[in-house]
Amino acid sequence: MTNLLTPFEYDYMLKAILVSGLIGGVCAFLSCFITLKGWSLMGDALSHAVVPGVSLAWLLGLPFSLGAFVAGILAAVTMGWIKKKSGLREDAVIGVVFTSWFALGLLLLSLYPSNLNLKTIIFGNILAISDPDILQVLIISGISILVLAVKWRDLLLYCFDEAHARALGIDTRFLHFLLLALLSATAVAALQTVGACLVVAMLVTPGATAYLLTDCFGKMLIIATLTGAACGVIGAYASYFINGSTGGCIVVLQTLVFLAALVFAPKHGLLATRRLRRLATRTA
């Protein structure tokens, strides 16, 4: 029993567990809107696009979060501009932009060696998070949750049916960029936890899991947030005992929960679907 409490004796583990839970919850809350909107690839793109922003911020002596956030917004605007001018499908535009920006970030890091650890940017290092970084995460998370809490009804309508939202007089262009800004800010906050490669999992998996478990969006928000926060806390805690990547533990745990929902969800799970097919066959 004493061994199970060992992680709580170390300040770095306490910080890692608490911050992982916070980031997991915030990402999960936002993931419901991303899942409904079908922006999974957009989350992947923005999480990779922040890398050159981090590099430039270091070169200019600016906060890394500012550089990453600006890079994310610029990448999103670039995607929109290319899609409008070229007529290409959105997935092709996203693929071109996020790989290009990610490559630019790697190039800058190689041309201008710094104390930035490429592995940390790509895979995260929550165990080494500093107090200023924690404050940054708290501010970003607080603002994101506040905005989502205030605008969640408009964002829900926009994500579910943009044309209907526009017909009701809602400024969908503003909501589009608001959602992009929230996505970029959350990606920046999660960068320290799981890195650029795994941010997309935290921004998609909890929402996808909750989507399988309920048809009510309000319940979906609660289920996703609780799942994301719990996986963040438990994943960080478990990483101490297995001596593994904290981000990897969190994302693998989220994936296991998703797989469980995929199989056992009472209405949309594989077992429930198979049961309904059998009943339909017998009835016919």
C-alpha atoms as a PDB file:
ATOM      1  CA  MET A   1       0.000   0.000   0.000  1.00  0.00           C
ATOM      2  CA  THR A   2       2.844   2.363   0.859  1.00  0.00           C
ATOM      3  CA  ASN A   3       4.426   1.793  -2.540  1.00  0.00           C
ATOM      4  CA  LEU A   4       1.231   2.951  -4.263  1.00  0.00           C
ATOM      5  CA  LEU A   5       1.578   6.343  -2.570  1.00  0.00           C
ATOM      6  CA  THR A   6       5.242   6.796  -3.493  1.00  0.00           C
ATOM      7  CA  PRO A   7       4.604   9.022  -6.571  1.00  0.00           C
ATOM      8  CA  PHE A   8       2.861  11.577  -4.354  1.00  0.00           C
ATOM      9  CA  GLU A   9       6.049  12.045  -2.333  1.00  0.00           C
ATOM     10  CA  TYR A  10       7.765  13.778  -5.251  1.00  0.00           C
ATOM     11  CA  ASP A  11       6.891  17.318  -6.291  1.00  0.00           C
ATOM     12  CA  TYR A  12       7.592  16.634  -9.974  1.00  0.00           C
ATOM     13  CA  MET A  13       5.128  13.727  -9.964  1.00  0.00           C
ATOM     14  CA  LEU A  14       2.447  15.758  -8.210  1.00  0.00           C
ATOM     15  CA  LYS A  15       2.834  18.507 -10.795  1.00  0.00           C
ATOM     16  CA  ALA A  16       2.789  16.000 -13.646  1.00  0.00           C
ATOM     17  CA  ILE A  17      -0.350  14.260 -12.366  1.00  0.00           C
ATOM     18  CA  LEU A  18      -2.282  17.470 -11.737  1.00  0.00           C
ATOM     19  CA  VAL A  19      -1.293  19.157 -15.008  1.00  0.00           C
ATOM     20  CA  SER A  20      -1.971  15.982 -17.010  1.00  0.00           C
ATOM     21  CA  GLY A  21      -5.444  15.769 -15.511  1.00  0.00           C
ATOM     22  CA  LEU A  22      -6.131  19.427 -16.258  1.00  0.00           C
ATOM     23  CA  ILE A  23      -4.905  19.241 -19.846  1.00  0.00           C
ATOM     24  CA  GLY A  24      -6.719  15.954 -20.362  1.00  0.00           C
ATOM     25  CA  GLY A  25      -9.987  17.518 -19.231  1.00  0.00           C
ATOM     26  CA  VAL A  26      -9.632  20.682 -21.317  1.00  0.00           C
ATOM     27  CA  CYS A  27      -8.625  18.786 -24.463  1.00  0.00           C
ATOM     28  CA  ALA A  28     -11.511  16.365 -23.934  1.00  0.00           C
ATOM     29  CA  PHE A  29     -14.040  19.193 -23.566  1.00  0.00           C
ATOM     30  CA  LEU A  30     -12.867  20.720 -26.828  1.00  0.00           C
ATOM     31  CA  SER A  31     -12.698  17.309 -28.520  1.00  0.00           C
ATOM     32  CA  CYS A  32     -16.496  17.050 -28.449  1.00  0.00           C
ATOM     33  CA  PHE A  33     -16.793  20.054 -30.770  1.00  0.00           C
ATOM     34  CA  ILE A  34     -13.949  18.809 -32.965  1.00  0.00           C
ATOM     35  CA  THR A  35     -15.558  15.363 -33.282  1.00  0.00           C
ATOM     36  CA  LEU A  36     -18.936  16.867 -34.147  1.00  0.00           C
ATOM     37  CA  LYS A  37     -17.364  19.250 -36.678  1.00  0.00           C
ATOM     38  CA  GLY A  38     -15.180  16.540 -38.237  1.00  0.00           C
ATOM     39  CA  TRP A  39     -11.958  18.458 -37.582  1.00  0.00           C
ATOM     40  CA  SER A  40      -9.796  15.565 -36.436  1.00  0.00           C
ATOM     41  CA  LEU A  41      -7.224  16.224 -39.163  1.00  0.00           C
ATOM     42  CA  MET A  42      -7.273  19.922 -38.314  1.00  0.00           C
ATOM     43  CA  GLY A  43      -6.200  19.109 -34.768  1.00  0.00           C
ATOM     44  CA  ASP A  44      -3.371  16.992 -36.117  1.00  0.00           C
ATOM     45  CA  ALA A  45      -2.293  19.780 -38.453  1.00  0.00           C
ATOM     46  CA  LEU A  46      -2.247  22.514 -35.803  1.00  0.00           C
ATOM     47  CA  SER A  47      -0.418  20.355 -33.270  1.00  0.00           C
ATOM     48  CA  HIS A  48       2.427  19.893 -35.774  1.00  0.00           C
ATOM     49  CA  ALA A  49       2.274  23.423 -37.146  1.00  0.00           C
ATOM     50  CA  VAL A  50       3.253  24.968 -33.800  1.00  0.00           C
ATOM     51  CA  VAL A  51       6.802  23.556 -34.054  1.00  0.00           C
ATOM     52  CA  PRO A  52       8.236  26.391 -36.220  1.00  0.00           C
ATOM     53  CA  GLY A  53       6.546  28.887 -33.901  1.00  0.00           C
ATOM     54  CA  VAL A  54       8.448  27.443 -30.944  1.00  0.00           C
ATOM     55  CA  SER A  55      11.715  27.673 -32.889  1.00  0.00           C
ATOM     56  CA  LEU A  56      11.157  31.288 -33.964  1.00  0.00           C
ATOM     57  CA  ALA A  57      10.057  32.294 -30.472  1.00  0.00           C
ATOM     58  CA  TRP A  58      13.356  31.008 -29.082  1.00  0.00           C
ATOM     59  CA  LEU A  59      15.340  32.882 -31.752  1.00  0.00           C
ATOM     60  CA  LEU A  60      13.481  36.130 -31.006  1.00  0.00           C
ATOM     61  CA  GLY A  61      13.567  35.706 -27.246  1.00  0.00           C
ATOM     62  CA  LEU A  62       9.785  35.467 -26.960  1.00  0.00           C
ATOM     63  CA  PRO A  63       7.666  33.068 -24.882  1.00  0.00           C
ATOM     64  CA  PHE A  64       7.361  29.690 -26.573  1.00  0.00           C
ATOM     65  CA  SER A  65       3.593  29.652 -26.054  1.00  0.00           C
ATOM     66  CA  LEU A  66       3.202  32.917 -27.975  1.00  0.00           C
ATOM     67  CA  GLY A  67       5.221  31.642 -30.920  1.00  0.00           C
ATOM     68  CA  ALA A  68       3.359  28.334 -30.981  1.00  0.00           C
ATOM     69  CA  PHE A  69      -0.048  30.012 -30.784  1.00  0.00           C
ATOM     70  CA  VAL A  70       0.729  32.482 -33.592  1.00  0.00           C
ATOM     71  CA  ALA A  71       2.124  29.661 -35.745  1.00  0.00           C
ATOM     72  CA  GLY A  72      -1.046  27.633 -35.200  1.00  0.00           C
ATOM     73  CA  ILE A  73      -3.281  30.531 -36.215  1.00  0.00           C
ATOM     74  CA  LEU A  74      -1.155  31.324 -39.278  1.00  0.00           C
ATOM     75  CA  ALA A  75      -1.223  27.669 -40.324  1.00  0.00           C
ATOM     76  CA  ALA A  76      -5.028  27.614 -40.039  1.00  0.00           C
ATOM     77  CA  VAL A  77      -5.337  30.810 -42.092  1.00  0.00           C
ATOM     78  CA  THR A  78      -2.941  29.375 -44.676  1.00  0.00           C
ATOM     79  CA  MET A  79      -5.071  26.246 -44.989  1.00  0.00           C
ATOM     80  CA  GLY A  80      -8.206  28.322 -45.513  1.00  0.00           C
ATOM     81  CA  TRP A  81      -6.534  30.523 -48.131  1.00  0.00           C
ATOM     82  CA  ILE A  82      -5.109  27.585 -50.109  1.00  0.00           C
ATOM     83  CA  LYS A  83      -8.424  25.731 -50.041  1.00  0.00           C
ATOM     84  CA  LYS A  84     -10.289  28.812 -51.282  1.00  0.00           C
ATOM     85  CA  LYS A  85      -7.809  29.606 -54.075  1.00  0.00           C
ATOM     86  CA  SER A  86      -6.977  26.073 -55.242  1.00  0.00           C
ATOM     87  CA  GLY A  87     -10.248  24.189 -54.916  1.00  0.00           C
ATOM     88  CA  LEU A  88      -8.417  21.214 -53.407  1.00  0.00           C
ATOM     89  CA  ARG A  89     -10.128  18.939 -50.905  1.00  0.00           C
ATOM     90  CA  GLU A  90      -9.643  19.936 -47.279  1.00  0.00           C
ATOM     91  CA  ASP A  91      -7.735  16.773 -46.365  1.00  0.00           C
ATOM     92  CA  ALA A  92      -5.197  17.413 -49.146  1.00  0.00           C
ATOM     93  CA  VAL A  93      -4.701  21.030 -48.049  1.00  0.00           C
ATOM     94  CA  ILE A  94      -4.266  19.992 -44.407  1.00  0.00           C
ATOM     95  CA  GLY A  95      -1.735  17.330 -45.389  1.00  0.00           C
ATOM     96  CA  VAL A  96       0.343  19.778 -47.415  1.00  0.00           C
ATOM     97  CA  VAL A  97       0.310  22.583 -44.840  1.00  0.00           C
ATOM     98  CA  PHE A  98       0.959  20.634 -41.646  1.00  0.00           C
ATOM     99  CA  THR A  99       3.836  18.605 -43.119  1.00  0.00           C
ATOM    100  CA  SER A 100       5.362  21.762 -44.582  1.00  0.00           C
ATOM    101  CA  TRP A 101       5.168  23.674 -41.319  1.00  0.00           C
ATOM    102  CA  PHE A 102       6.453  20.742 -39.327  1.00  0.00           C
ATOM    103  CA  ALA A 103       9.378  20.367 -41.738  1.00  0.00           C
ATOM    104  CA  LEU A 104      10.081  24.100 -41.425  1.00  0.00           C
ATOM    105  CA  GLY A 105      10.258  23.741 -37.659  1.00  0.00           C
ATOM    106  CA  LEU A 106      12.700  20.839 -37.916  1.00  0.00           C
ATOM    107  CA  LEU A 107      14.812  22.826 -40.380  1.00  0.00           C
ATOM    108  CA  LEU A 108      14.980  25.861 -38.084  1.00  0.00           C
ATOM    109  CA  LEU A 109      15.968  23.704 -35.134  1.00  0.00           C
ATOM    110  CA  SER A 110      18.761  22.131 -37.169  1.00  0.00           C
ATOM    111  CA  LEU A 111      20.036  25.438 -38.624  1.00  0.00           C
ATOM    112  CA  TYR A 112      19.998  27.296 -35.315  1.00  0.00           C
ATOM    113  CA  PRO A 113      21.003  24.859 -32.554  1.00  0.00           C
ATOM    114  CA  SER A 114      19.617  25.851 -29.197  1.00  0.00           C
ATOM    115  CA  ASN A 115      18.841  24.466 -25.787  1.00  0.00           C
ATOM    116  CA  LEU A 116      15.510  23.347 -27.202  1.00  0.00           C
ATOM    117  CA  ASN A 117      15.226  19.584 -27.122  1.00  0.00           C
ATOM    118  CA  LEU A 118      13.572  18.328 -30.300  1.00  0.00           C
ATOM    119  CA  LYS A 119      12.474  15.163 -28.518  1.00  0.00           C
ATOM    120  CA  THR A 120      10.711  17.245 -25.884  1.00  0.00           C
ATOM    121  CA  ILE A 121       8.807  19.241 -28.504  1.00  0.00           C
ATOM    122  CA  ILE A 122       7.723  16.151 -30.406  1.00  0.00           C
ATOM    123  CA  PHE A 123       7.036  13.792 -27.496  1.00  0.00           C
ATOM    124  CA  GLY A 124       6.602  16.152 -24.535  1.00  0.00           C
ATOM    125  CA  ASN A 125       8.199  16.002 -21.080  1.00  0.00           C
ATOM    126  CA  ILE A 126       5.611  16.674 -18.413  1.00  0.00           C
ATOM    127  CA  LEU A 127       7.970  15.456 -15.658  1.00  0.00           C
ATOM    128  CA  ALA A 128      10.227  18.453 -16.258  1.00  0.00           C
ATOM    129  CA  ILE A 129       7.484  21.076 -16.396  1.00  0.00           C
ATOM    130  CA  SER A 130       8.431  24.302 -14.621  1.00  0.00           C
ATOM    131  CA  ASP A 131       6.274  26.575 -12.478  1.00  0.00           C
ATOM    132  CA  PRO A 132       6.039  29.265 -15.217  1.00  0.00           C
ATOM    133  CA  ASP A 133       4.902  26.552 -17.660  1.00  0.00           C
ATOM    134  CA  ILE A 134       2.279  25.384 -15.183  1.00  0.00           C
ATOM    135  CA  LEU A 135       1.011  28.957 -14.843  1.00  0.00           C
ATOM    136  CA  GLN A 136       0.860  29.194 -18.638  1.00  0.00           C
ATOM    137  CA  VAL A 137      -1.159  25.968 -18.810  1.00  0.00           C
ATOM    138  CA  LEU A 138      -3.531  27.213 -16.102  1.00  0.00           C
ATOM    139  CA  ILE A 139      -4.138  30.496 -17.921  1.00  0.00           C
ATOM    140  CA  ILE A 140      -4.695  28.862 -21.319  1.00  0.00           C
ATOM    141  CA  SER A 141      -6.932  26.185 -19.830  1.00  0.00           C
ATOM    142  CA  GLY A 142      -8.960  28.701 -17.830  1.00  0.00           C
ATOM    143  CA  ILE A 143      -9.542  30.985 -20.812  1.00  0.00           C
ATOM    144  CA  SER A 144     -10.421  28.043 -23.083  1.00  0.00           C
ATOM    145  CA  ILE A 145     -12.946  26.586 -20.626  1.00  0.00           C
ATOM    146  CA  LEU A 146     -14.479  30.026 -19.994  1.00  0.00           C
ATOM    147  CA  VAL A 147     -14.926  30.717 -23.723  1.00  0.00           C
ATOM    148  CA  LEU A 148     -16.350  27.256 -24.376  1.00  0.00           C
ATOM    149  CA  ALA A 149     -18.732  27.577 -21.429  1.00  0.00           C
ATOM    150  CA  VAL A 150     -20.024  30.934 -22.696  1.00  0.00           C
ATOM    151  CA  LYS A 151     -20.245  30.085 -26.412  1.00  0.00           C
ATOM    152  CA  TRP A 152     -20.926  26.341 -26.321  1.00  0.00           C
ATOM    153  CA  ARG A 153     -24.491  26.605 -27.654  1.00  0.00           C
ATOM    154  CA  ASP A 154     -23.445  28.688 -30.671  1.00  0.00           C
ATOM    155  CA  LEU A 155     -20.455  26.437 -31.261  1.00  0.00           C
ATOM    156  CA  LEU A 156     -22.684  23.356 -31.009  1.00  0.00           C
ATOM    157  CA  LEU A 157     -25.044  24.701 -33.672  1.00  0.00           C
ATOM    158  CA  TYR A 158     -22.123  25.767 -35.860  1.00  0.00           C
ATOM    159  CA  CYS A 159     -20.453  22.357 -35.618  1.00  0.00           C
ATOM    160  CA  PHE A 160     -23.700  20.450 -36.150  1.00  0.00           C
ATOM    161  CA  ASP A 161     -25.194  22.517 -39.002  1.00  0.00           C
ATOM    162  CA  GLU A 162     -23.257  25.554 -40.186  1.00  0.00           C
ATOM    163  CA  ALA A 163     -25.880  26.506 -42.789  1.00  0.00           C
ATOM    164  CA  HIS A 164     -28.653  26.541 -40.187  1.00  0.00           C
ATOM    165  CA  ALA A 165     -26.503  28.610 -37.827  1.00  0.00           C
ATOM    166  CA  ARG A 166     -25.886  31.121 -40.614  1.00  0.00           C
ATOM    167  CA  ALA A 167     -29.610  31.280 -41.398  1.00  0.00           C
ATOM    168  CA  LEU A 168     -30.305  32.183 -37.759  1.00  0.00           C
ATOM    169  CA  GLY A 169     -27.991  35.172 -38.073  1.00  0.00           C
ATOM    170  CA  ILE A 170     -25.079  33.691 -36.151  1.00  0.00           C
ATOM    171  CA  ASP A 171     -21.666  34.932 -37.260  1.00  0.00           C
ATOM    172  CA  THR A 172     -20.235  31.588 -38.386  1.00  0.00           C
ATOM    173  CA  ARG A 173     -16.998  33.158 -39.615  1.00  0.00           C
ATOM    174  CA  PHE A 174     -16.291  34.418 -36.106  1.00  0.00           C
ATOM    175  CA  LEU A 175     -17.111  31.003 -34.643  1.00  0.00           C
ATOM    176  CA  HIS A 176     -14.840  29.357 -37.217  1.00  0.00           C
ATOM    177  CA  PHE A 177     -11.838  31.405 -36.150  1.00  0.00           C
ATOM    178  CA  LEU A 178     -12.810  31.171 -32.478  1.00  0.00           C
ATOM    179  CA  LEU A 179     -12.739  27.383 -32.689  1.00  0.00           C
ATOM    180  CA  LEU A 180      -9.424  27.511 -34.530  1.00  0.00           C
ATOM    181  CA  ALA A 181      -7.978  29.820 -31.863  1.00  0.00           C
ATOM    182  CA  LEU A 182      -9.164  27.513 -29.071  1.00  0.00           C
ATOM    183  CA  LEU A 183      -7.748  24.526 -30.910  1.00  0.00           C
ATOM    184  CA  SER A 184      -4.378  26.248 -31.332  1.00  0.00           C
ATOM    185  CA  ALA A 185      -4.268  27.424 -27.714  1.00  0.00           C
ATOM    186  CA  THR A 186      -5.151  23.986 -26.368  1.00  0.00           C
ATOM    187  CA  ALA A 187      -2.576  22.342 -28.623  1.00  0.00           C
ATOM    188  CA  VAL A 188       0.036  24.714 -27.179  1.00  0.00           C
ATOM    189  CA  ALA A 189      -0.990  23.823 -23.625  1.00  0.00           C
ATOM    190  CA  ALA A 190      -0.886  20.088 -24.348  1.00  0.00           C
ATOM    191  CA  LEU A 191       2.455  20.317 -26.142  1.00  0.00           C
ATOM    192  CA  GLN A 192       4.363  20.119 -22.852  1.00  0.00           C
ATOM    193  CA  THR A 193       2.366  17.082 -21.755  1.00  0.00           C
ATOM    194  CA  VAL A 194       2.342  14.716 -24.725  1.00  0.00           C
ATOM    195  CA  GLY A 195       4.272  16.575 -27.433  1.00  0.00           C
ATOM    196  CA  ALA A 196       3.321  17.510 -30.983  1.00  0.00           C
ATOM    197  CA  CYS A 197       2.860  13.917 -32.140  1.00  0.00           C
ATOM    198  CA  LEU A 198       0.280  12.874 -29.543  1.00  0.00           C
ATOM    199  CA  VAL A 199      -1.690  16.095 -29.039  1.00  0.00           C
ATOM    200  CA  VAL A 200      -4.196  15.034 -31.698  1.00  0.00           C
ATOM    201  CA  ALA A 201      -5.054  11.904 -29.665  1.00  0.00           C
ATOM    202  CA  MET A 202      -6.017  14.007 -26.642  1.00  0.00           C
ATOM    203  CA  LEU A 203      -8.038  16.308 -28.907  1.00  0.00           C
ATOM    204  CA  VAL A 204      -9.991  13.514 -30.608  1.00  0.00           C
ATOM    205  CA  THR A 205     -10.144  10.269 -28.608  1.00  0.00           C
ATOM    206  CA  PRO A 206     -12.202  11.417 -25.550  1.00  0.00           C
ATOM    207  CA  GLY A 207     -14.803  13.054 -27.792  1.00  0.00           C
ATOM    208  CA  ALA A 208     -14.995   9.969 -29.995  1.00  0.00           C
ATOM    209  CA  THR A 209     -15.410   7.785 -26.907  1.00  0.00           C
ATOM    210  CA  ALA A 210     -18.217   9.925 -25.506  1.00  0.00           C
ATOM    211  CA  TYR A 211     -19.879  10.032 -28.939  1.00  0.00           C
ATOM    212  CA  LEU A 212     -20.259   6.251 -28.786  1.00  0.00           C
ATOM    213  CA  LEU A 213     -21.761   6.332 -25.299  1.00  0.00           C
ATOM    214  CA  THR A 214     -24.501   8.962 -25.622  1.00  0.00           C
ATOM    215  CA  ASP A 215     -26.660  10.857 -28.108  1.00  0.00           C
ATOM    216  CA  CYS A 216     -27.017  13.889 -25.821  1.00  0.00           C
ATOM    217  CA  PHE A 217     -24.365  16.555 -26.368  1.00  0.00           C
ATOM    218  CA  GLY A 218     -24.523  17.775 -22.776  1.00  0.00           C
ATOM    219  CA  LYS A 219     -23.813  14.277 -21.489  1.00  0.00           C
ATOM    220  CA  MET A 220     -21.163  13.897 -24.179  1.00  0.00           C
ATOM    221  CA  LEU A 221     -19.316  16.924 -22.773  1.00  0.00           C
ATOM    222  CA  ILE A 222     -19.427  15.499 -19.241  1.00  0.00           C
ATOM    223  CA  ILE A 223     -18.351  11.982 -20.246  1.00  0.00           C
ATOM    224  CA  ALA A 224     -15.518  13.226 -22.454  1.00  0.00           C
ATOM    225  CA  THR A 225     -14.197  15.681 -19.865  1.00  0.00           C
ATOM    226  CA  LEU A 226     -14.257  13.135 -17.048  1.00  0.00           C
ATOM    227  CA  THR A 227     -12.651  10.512 -19.280  1.00  0.00           C
ATOM    228  CA  GLY A 228      -9.913  12.860 -20.463  1.00  0.00           C
ATOM    229  CA  ALA A 229      -9.121  14.108 -16.959  1.00  0.00           C
ATOM    230  CA  ALA A 230      -9.148  10.606 -15.448  1.00  0.00           C
ATOM    231  CA  CYS A 231      -6.898   9.205 -18.183  1.00  0.00           C
ATOM    232  CA  GLY A 232      -4.515  12.128 -17.683  1.00  0.00           C
ATOM    233  CA  VAL A 233      -4.259  11.544 -13.943  1.00  0.00           C
ATOM    234  CA  ILE A 234      -4.099   7.742 -14.080  1.00  0.00           C
ATOM    235  CA  GLY A 235      -1.740   7.707 -17.065  1.00  0.00           C
ATOM    236  CA  ALA A 236       0.731  10.071 -15.373  1.00  0.00           C
ATOM    237  CA  TYR A 237       0.469   8.079 -12.140  1.00  0.00           C
ATOM    238  CA  ALA A 238       1.008   4.734 -13.886  1.00  0.00           C
ATOM    239  CA  SER A 239       4.005   6.023 -15.845  1.00  0.00           C
ATOM    240  CA  TYR A 240       5.972   6.251 -12.586  1.00  0.00           C
ATOM    241  CA  PHE A 241       5.643   2.516 -11.911  1.00  0.00           C
ATOM    242  CA  ILE A 242       6.321   1.271 -15.439  1.00  0.00           C
ATOM    243  CA  ASN A 243       9.049   3.879 -16.032  1.00  0.00           C
ATOM    244  CA  GLY A 244       7.495   4.723 -19.386  1.00  0.00           C
ATOM    245  CA  SER A 245       6.586   7.813 -21.375  1.00  0.00           C
ATOM    246  CA  THR A 246       3.946   9.816 -19.520  1.00  0.00           C
ATOM    247  CA  GLY A 247       2.340  11.029 -22.735  1.00  0.00           C
ATOM    248  CA  GLY A 248       2.396   7.517 -24.143  1.00  0.00           C
ATOM    249  CA  CYS A 249       0.705   6.117 -21.021  1.00  0.00           C
ATOM    250  CA  ILE A 250      -2.036   8.756 -21.170  1.00  0.00           C
ATOM    251  CA  VAL A 251      -2.817   8.224 -24.852  1.00  0.00           C
ATOM    252  CA  VAL A 252      -2.681   4.405 -24.641  1.00  0.00           C
ATOM    253  CA  LEU A 253      -5.090   4.525 -21.700  1.00  0.00           C
ATOM    254  CA  GLN A 254      -7.440   6.784 -23.666  1.00  0.00           C
ATOM    255  CA  THR A 255      -7.271   4.350 -26.563  1.00  0.00           C
ATOM    256  CA  LEU A 256      -8.132   1.393 -24.316  1.00  0.00           C
ATOM    257  CA  VAL A 257     -11.153   3.270 -22.982  1.00  0.00           C
ATOM    258  CA  PHE A 258     -12.214   4.064 -26.550  1.00  0.00           C
ATOM    259  CA  LEU A 259     -11.897   0.402 -27.572  1.00  0.00           C
ATOM    260  CA  ALA A 260     -13.995  -0.629 -24.575  1.00  0.00           C
ATOM    261  CA  ALA A 261     -16.686   1.867 -25.596  1.00  0.00           C
ATOM    262  CA  LEU A 262     -16.476   0.684 -29.198  1.00  0.00           C
ATOM    263  CA  VAL A 263     -17.238  -2.872 -28.125  1.00  0.00           C
ATOM    264  CA  PHE A 264     -19.552  -2.436 -25.104  1.00  0.00           C
ATOM    265  CA  ALA A 265     -21.403   0.871 -25.711  1.00  0.00           C
ATOM    266  CA  PRO A 266     -25.100   0.136 -24.986  1.00  0.00           C
ATOM    267  CA  LYS A 267     -26.420   1.620 -28.230  1.00  0.00           C
ATOM    268  CA  HIS A 268     -23.569   2.183 -30.686  1.00  0.00           C
ATOM    269  CA  GLY A 269     -21.163  -0.558 -29.562  1.00  0.00           C
ATOM    270  CA  LEU A 270     -20.278  -3.544 -31.716  1.00  0.00           C
ATOM    271  CA  LEU A 271     -22.092  -5.993 -29.413  1.00  0.00           C
ATOM    272  CA  ALA A 272     -25.238  -3.848 -29.339  1.00  0.00           C
ATOM    273  CA  THR A 273     -25.197  -3.489 -33.118  1.00  0.00           C
ATOM    274  CA  ARG A 274     -24.816  -7.226 -33.572  1.00  0.00           C
ATOM    275  CA  ARG A 275     -27.682  -7.841 -31.136  1.00  0.00           C
ATOM    276  CA  LEU A 276     -29.962  -5.470 -33.062  1.00  0.00           C
ATOM    277  CA  ARG A 277     -29.102  -7.183 -36.349  1.00  0.00           C
ATOM    278  CA  ARG A 278     -30.030 -10.570 -34.879  1.00  0.00           C
ATOM    279  CA  LEU A 279     -33.360  -9.228 -33.641  1.00  0.00           C
ATOM    280  CA  ALA A 280     -34.067  -7.647 -37.028  1.00  0.00           C
ATOM    281  CA  THR A 281     -33.275 -10.944 -38.753  1.00  0.00           C
ATOM    282  CA  ARG A 282     -35.582 -12.909 -36.450  1.00  0.00           C
ATOM    283  CA  THR A 283     -38.372 -10.384 -36.907  1.00  0.00           C
ATOM    284  CA  ALA A 284     -38.024 -10.503 -40.684  1.00  0.00           C
END
